[in-house]
Protein backbone atom coordinates (compact mmCIF):
# COMPACT_ATOMS: atom_id res chain seq x y z
CA MET A 1 5.49 20.89 -4.21
CA SER A 2 3.12 21.12 -6.10
CA GLU A 3 1.28 18.15 -8.50
CA SER A 4 0.35 18.39 -11.70
CA PRO A 5 -3.87 18.11 -12.96
CA GLU A 6 -2.36 15.44 -14.76
CA SER A 7 -0.82 13.19 -10.99
CA PRO A 8 -3.69 10.43 -10.34
CA ARG A 9 -2.49 11.35 -6.65
CA ARG A 10 -3.70 14.15 -5.39
CA GLY A 11 -4.80 15.59 -1.16
CA ARG A 12 -3.66 12.63 1.32
CA THR A 13 -1.75 10.13 1.20
CA ARG A 14 -3.09 7.90 3.20
CA GLN A 15 -6.78 7.68 3.21
CA LEU A 16 -9.35 7.52 6.63
CA PRO A 17 -8.98 3.91 8.50
CA VAL A 18 -10.61 1.04 6.52
CA PHE A 19 -12.83 -0.49 9.62
CA TYR A 20 -13.25 -3.87 8.87
CA CYS A 21 -12.41 -6.59 6.46
CA PRO A 22 -14.48 -7.24 3.42
CA TYR A 23 -14.08 -10.37 3.53
CA CYS A 24 -14.19 -12.16 6.68
CA GLY A 25 -15.66 -8.16 8.50
CA ASP A 26 -13.05 -8.92 10.97
CA GLU A 27 -11.86 -5.95 12.41
CA GLU A 28 -8.79 -6.44 13.45
CA LEU A 29 -6.37 -5.04 10.76
CA THR A 30 -3.22 -3.39 10.03
CA PRO A 31 -1.53 -1.38 7.44
CA HIS A 32 0.61 -3.82 5.46
CA GLY A 33 3.33 -3.13 3.95
CA GLU A 34 5.19 0.49 1.53
CA ASP A 35 1.67 1.07 -0.33
CA PRO A 36 -0.18 3.28 2.18
CA ASP A 37 -3.72 2.26 1.03
CA GLY A 38 -2.41 -1.62 2.36
CA TRP A 39 -3.78 -3.63 4.97
CA HIS A 40 -4.33 -6.42 6.90
CA CYS A 41 -6.50 -8.73 8.61
CA GLY A 42 -5.33 -10.75 11.35
CA ALA A 43 -8.22 -12.86 11.65
CA CYS A 44 -8.50 -14.08 7.88
CA LEU A 45 -4.79 -12.87 6.96
CA ARG A 46 -5.88 -11.88 3.82
CA THR A 47 -3.77 -8.41 2.63
CA TRP A 48 -5.77 -6.09 0.55
CA THR A 49 -5.74 -2.09 -0.53
CA VAL A 50 -7.72 0.46 -0.87
CA HIS A 51 -8.21 3.55 -3.31
CA LEU A 52 -10.76 5.64 -3.11
CA THR A 53 -11.59 7.36 -6.82
CA GLY A 54 -13.77 9.58 -6.75
CA THR A 55 -17.00 11.22 -5.10
CA GLY A 56 -19.30 12.05 -7.16
CA VAL A 57 -18.69 15.63 -6.71
CA GLN A 58 -17.81 17.73 -9.84
CA ARG A 59 -15.88 20.42 -9.62
CA PRO A 60 -16.96 23.74 -11.67
């Protein structure tokens, strides 16, 4: 299955795991919800999503 160039999501469906909570710094994280980018912190009980918007590398 190929995606069109206009498709916002290319490559992997799930990014590398997040190692710490951006709010409290704890490492007790689990995937959250149906969104493959969703995370839940067991320490502060926050949930959030992480989306890669770019790497800064230009294609020739």
